[in-house]
């Protein structure tokens, strides 16, 4: 009985100590998010092509759920209790998919691999996704490379690099994540404008061109027939 009482007493003491000193820290989870409104940056044409959004690659230092922060170019640190809800490569890829779908540039936007091959593939690499601390100033830092490929020709049609920072007013992680979301929205808007230009040039280059011939004019006099006169034809161009 004495041993039993001692075990009970020990258990109570351990529980009390855990309640006082062993409180488990809650993990906070974050995601990149914004409402895509890109139509003002593109024309109203919906190009008759399909496009698939690939999962982005990511630099190894950022291939984790822990949110990364740094105080110098040479040292990275990781928050233990401030984490991404899903891995960064999926967050960025999902937001690009939502943005493309809202932009209505393509007749079909896909996220997954289907049995039917797409016309184009878009993807890229996350170079940096982090909080950057500089003494009493804090920044959201996002660096991304993106490219558009012709799937059948295996040819890169367009690519671009971005490296943006945005100063945030508060060191709380939620403000940094909000800043990163705003940077990603800016990058995706600029990507939509670029892709619109590439697709417009390609689309109109593929349209058949028709030359309209003007009727030949002849002038006949009473006795002699003058040589046939022809008007100068306009250069070939698309018929509106």
Protein backbone atom coordinates (compact mmCIF):
# COMPACT_ATOMS: atom_id res chain seq x y z
CA UNK A 1 0.00 0.00 0.00
CA UNK A 2 2.85 2.37 0.81
CA UNK A 3 4.30 1.88 -2.64
CA UNK A 4 0.92 2.56 -4.23
CA UNK A 5 0.48 5.81 -2.28
CA UNK A 6 3.98 6.89 -3.25
CA UNK A 7 3.25 6.32 -6.97
CA UNK A 8 0.01 8.27 -6.75
CA UNK A 9 1.74 11.15 -4.97
CA UNK A 10 4.54 11.16 -7.54
CA UNK A 11 2.02 11.26 -10.39
CA UNK A 12 0.22 14.22 -8.84
CA UNK A 13 3.50 16.12 -8.42
CA UNK A 14 4.47 15.46 -12.05
CA UNK A 15 1.10 16.68 -13.30
CA UNK A 16 1.39 19.85 -11.22
CA UNK A 17 4.89 20.52 -12.53
CA UNK A 18 3.80 19.93 -16.11
CA UNK A 19 0.92 22.32 -15.61
CA UNK A 20 3.24 25.02 -14.30
CA UNK A 21 6.32 24.57 -16.47
CA UNK A 22 5.51 22.15 -19.26
CA UNK A 23 2.82 23.98 -21.22
CA UNK A 24 2.89 22.79 -24.83
CA UNK A 25 3.29 25.63 -27.35
CA UNK A 26 0.66 25.80 -30.05
CA UNK A 27 1.86 25.74 -33.67
CA UNK A 28 0.47 28.53 -35.86
CA UNK A 29 -0.18 27.63 -39.49
CA UNK A 30 -0.19 30.07 -42.42
CA UNK A 31 -0.91 30.13 -46.13
CA UNK A 32 -0.41 32.51 -49.04
CA UNK A 33 -3.74 33.92 -50.15
CA UNK A 34 -5.36 36.75 -52.12
CA UNK A 35 -8.32 37.23 -54.45
CA UNK A 36 -7.06 37.24 -58.07
CA UNK A 37 -8.40 40.17 -60.13
CA UNK A 38 -6.14 40.14 -63.21
CA UNK A 39 -8.52 41.01 -66.07
CA UNK A 40 -7.63 44.70 -66.01
CA UNK A 41 -4.07 43.79 -67.01
CA UNK A 42 -5.04 41.65 -70.03
CA UNK A 43 -7.30 41.94 -73.06
CA UNK A 44 -10.64 40.17 -73.43
CA UNK A 45 -9.38 37.40 -75.73
CA UNK A 46 -9.66 33.79 -74.55
CA UNK A 47 -7.03 31.82 -76.44
CA UNK A 48 -8.16 28.37 -77.65
CA UNK A 49 -5.41 26.46 -75.86
CA UNK A 50 -5.05 24.36 -72.72
CA UNK A 51 -2.38 24.96 -70.08
CA UNK A 52 -1.25 22.90 -67.08
CA UNK A 53 0.33 24.37 -63.94
CA UNK A 54 3.22 22.22 -62.73
CA UNK A 55 4.30 22.07 -59.10
CA UNK A 56 7.09 24.56 -58.62
CA UNK A 57 10.58 23.49 -57.68
CA UNK A 58 11.98 25.13 -54.55
CA UNK A 59 15.47 25.88 -53.26
CA UNK A 60 16.44 23.27 -50.67
CA UNK A 61 16.60 25.75 -47.79
CA UNK A 62 12.89 26.50 -48.24
CA UNK A 63 11.73 22.93 -48.85
CA UNK A 64 10.10 22.67 -45.42
CA UNK A 65 6.99 23.71 -43.54
CA UNK A 66 8.90 25.92 -41.07
CA UNK A 67 8.80 29.58 -42.04
CA UNK A 68 12.31 30.80 -42.78
CA UNK A 69 13.77 34.03 -41.45
CA UNK A 70 17.20 35.53 -41.74
CA UNK A 71 19.17 38.41 -40.28
CA UNK A 72 22.11 38.27 -42.67
CA UNK A 73 22.83 36.91 -46.16
CA UNK A 74 24.85 34.07 -44.62
CA UNK A 75 22.60 32.67 -41.88
CA UNK A 76 19.15 31.11 -42.12
CA UNK A 77 16.88 30.33 -39.19
CA UNK A 78 13.61 28.46 -38.92
CA UNK A 79 10.61 29.13 -36.71
CA UNK A 80 9.51 26.08 -34.74
CA UNK A 81 5.97 27.24 -34.04
CA UNK A 82 5.30 29.38 -37.13
CA UNK A 83 4.74 27.06 -40.07
CA UNK A 84 3.19 26.86 -43.53
CA UNK A 85 -0.04 24.88 -43.65
CA UNK A 86 1.34 23.06 -46.72
CA UNK A 87 4.76 23.08 -48.36
CA UNK A 88 5.68 26.36 -50.14
CA UNK A 89 5.92 24.79 -53.61
CA UNK A 90 2.25 23.77 -53.39
CA UNK A 91 1.14 27.14 -52.03
CA UNK A 92 2.75 29.03 -54.93
CA UNK A 93 1.57 26.55 -57.58
CA UNK A 94 -2.01 26.62 -56.29
CA UNK A 95 -2.13 30.42 -56.31
CA UNK A 96 -0.79 30.54 -59.88
CA UNK A 97 -3.51 28.07 -60.90
CA UNK A 98 -6.20 30.25 -59.30
CA UNK A 99 -4.76 33.34 -60.95
CA UNK A 100 -4.66 31.77 -64.43
CA UNK A 101 -8.20 30.49 -64.01
CA UNK A 102 -9.42 33.96 -63.04
CA UNK A 103 -7.51 35.62 -65.91
CA UNK A 104 -9.43 33.63 -68.55
CA UNK A 105 -6.49 33.75 -70.94
CA UNK A 106 -6.81 30.06 -71.86
CA UNK A 107 -9.86 28.02 -72.71
CA UNK A 108 -8.74 25.37 -70.19
CA UNK A 109 -6.49 25.56 -67.13
CA UNK A 110 -5.41 22.32 -65.45
CA UNK A 111 -3.65 21.52 -62.23
CA UNK A 112 -3.22 17.75 -62.47
CA UNK A 113 -1.76 15.45 -65.11
CA UNK A 114 -4.54 14.18 -67.40
CA UNK A 115 -4.60 11.58 -70.13
CA UNK A 116 -4.97 14.38 -72.69
CA UNK A 117 -1.81 16.39 -73.28
CA UNK A 118 -1.99 20.17 -72.72
CA UNK A 119 -0.84 22.71 -75.29
CA UNK A 120 1.34 24.54 -72.78
CA UNK A 121 2.94 23.98 -69.37
CA UNK A 122 3.85 26.68 -66.87
CA UNK A 123 6.08 26.19 -63.84
CA UNK A 124 9.21 27.50 -62.21
CA UNK A 125 11.36 27.66 -59.10
CA UNK A 126 10.99 29.41 -55.75
CA UNK A 127 14.37 30.99 -55.03
CA UNK A 128 13.40 32.60 -51.71
CA UNK A 129 10.28 32.79 -49.52
CA UNK A 130 11.18 34.31 -46.16
CA UNK A 131 11.09 36.97 -43.52
CA UNK A 132 14.14 39.24 -43.69
CA UNK A 133 15.09 41.13 -40.52
CA UNK A 134 17.28 44.21 -40.68
CA UNK A 135 17.74 45.62 -37.18
CA UNK A 136 14.46 47.50 -36.53
CA UNK A 137 12.99 46.87 -40.00
CA UNK A 138 11.28 43.73 -41.29
CA UNK A 139 10.64 42.64 -44.85
CA UNK A 140 8.77 39.98 -46.76
CA UNK A 141 11.15 38.59 -49.39
CA UNK A 142 10.01 36.57 -52.41
CA UNK A 143 12.16 35.51 -55.37
CA UNK A 144 10.68 33.38 -58.16
CA UNK A 145 11.63 32.12 -61.60
CA UNK A 146 8.81 31.20 -63.99
CA UNK A 147 8.64 29.82 -67.53
CA UNK A 148 6.05 28.89 -70.17
CA UNK A 149 6.69 25.93 -72.47
CA UNK A 150 5.13 24.59 -75.61
CA UNK A 151 4.36 21.04 -74.47
CA UNK A 152 4.59 19.32 -77.85
CA UNK A 153 7.60 21.23 -79.16
CA UNK A 154 9.38 21.11 -75.77
CA UNK A 155 10.33 24.74 -76.29
CA UNK A 156 10.44 27.55 -73.75
CA UNK A 157 8.36 30.44 -75.10
CA UNK A 158 8.77 32.82 -72.19
CA UNK A 159 10.62 33.08 -68.88
CA UNK A 160 11.19 35.71 -66.24
CA UNK A 161 12.86 36.24 -62.83
CA UNK A 162 11.49 38.28 -59.94
CA UNK A 163 13.17 39.27 -56.67
CA UNK A 164 10.91 41.54 -54.60
CA UNK A 165 10.92 42.77 -51.02
CA UNK A 166 8.15 44.52 -49.13
CA UNK A 167 8.56 46.31 -45.84
CA UNK A 168 6.09 45.20 -43.16
CA UNK A 169 4.92 47.29 -40.23
CA UNK A 170 4.95 44.56 -37.60
CA UNK A 171 7.23 41.64 -36.73
CA UNK A 172 4.26 39.32 -36.19
CA UNK A 173 4.44 36.48 -38.69
CA UNK A 174 0.95 37.14 -40.05
CA UNK A 175 2.11 40.53 -41.37
CA UNK A 176 5.06 38.91 -43.13
CA UNK A 177 2.75 36.30 -44.72
CA UNK A 178 0.40 39.07 -45.83
CA UNK A 179 3.34 40.88 -47.41
CA UNK A 180 4.46 37.70 -49.19
CA UNK A 181 0.91 37.23 -50.52
CA UNK A 182 0.91 40.77 -51.92
CA UNK A 183 4.26 40.17 -53.59
CA UNK A 184 3.00 36.94 -55.13
CA UNK A 185 -0.09 38.72 -56.46
CA UNK A 186 2.12 41.36 -58.07
CA UNK A 187 4.33 38.70 -59.66
CA UNK A 188 1.36 36.72 -61.00
CA UNK A 189 -0.25 39.89 -62.42
CA UNK A 190 2.95 40.73 -64.26
CA UNK A 191 3.23 37.14 -65.49
CA UNK A 192 -0.34 37.30 -66.87
CA UNK A 193 0.45 40.47 -68.83
CA UNK A 194 3.59 38.88 -70.29
CA UNK A 195 1.82 35.63 -71.20
CA UNK A 196 -1.04 37.55 -72.77
CA UNK A 197 1.44 39.28 -75.10
CA UNK A 198 3.10 35.96 -76.02
CA UNK A 199 -0.21 34.24 -76.70
CA UNK A 200 -1.60 37.14 -78.70
CA UNK A 201 1.41 37.14 -81.03
CA UNK A 202 1.22 33.37 -81.43
CA UNK A 203 -2.53 33.26 -81.93
CA UNK A 204 -2.61 35.90 -84.67
CA UNK A 205 0.45 34.41 -86.37
CA UNK A 206 -1.42 31.10 -86.68
CA UNK A 207 -4.56 32.64 -88.20
CA UNK A 208 -4.84 32.23 -92.00
CA UNK A 209 -4.22 35.42 -93.91
CA UNK A 210 -6.21 36.40 -96.99
CA UNK A 211 -5.25 38.82 -99.75
CA UNK A 212 -8.13 40.68 -101.39
CA UNK A 213 -7.48 41.34 -105.07
CA UNK A 214 -8.85 44.56 -106.51
CA UNK A 215 -10.62 44.39 -109.92
CA UNK A 216 -8.49 45.27 -112.96
CA UNK A 217 -9.40 48.55 -114.57
CA UNK A 218 -9.21 48.99 -118.31
CA UNK A 219 -9.68 52.21 -120.24
CA UNK A 220 -10.77 51.87 -123.84
CA UNK A 221 -10.58 54.71 -126.34
CA UNK A 222 -12.30 54.96 -129.72
CA UNK A 223 -9.54 53.34 -131.81
CA UNK A 224 -6.50 52.37 -129.69
CA UNK A 225 -6.53 50.18 -126.58
CA UNK A 226 -4.27 51.38 -123.79
CA UNK A 227 -2.24 48.88 -121.71
CA UNK A 228 -4.02 47.37 -118.72
CA UNK A 229 -3.72 49.49 -115.60
CA UNK A 230 -3.63 47.82 -112.18
CA UNK A 231 -4.01 49.38 -108.78
CA UNK A 232 -1.33 48.82 -106.20
CA UNK A 233 -2.43 45.99 -103.90
CA UNK A 234 -2.35 46.51 -100.14
CA UNK A 235 0.11 44.37 -98.22
CA UNK A 236 -1.23 40.99 -97.04
CA UNK A 237 -3.03 41.26 -93.73
CA UNK A 238 -5.74 39.75 -91.63
CA UNK A 239 -9.25 40.61 -92.69
CA UNK A 240 -11.24 42.20 -89.90
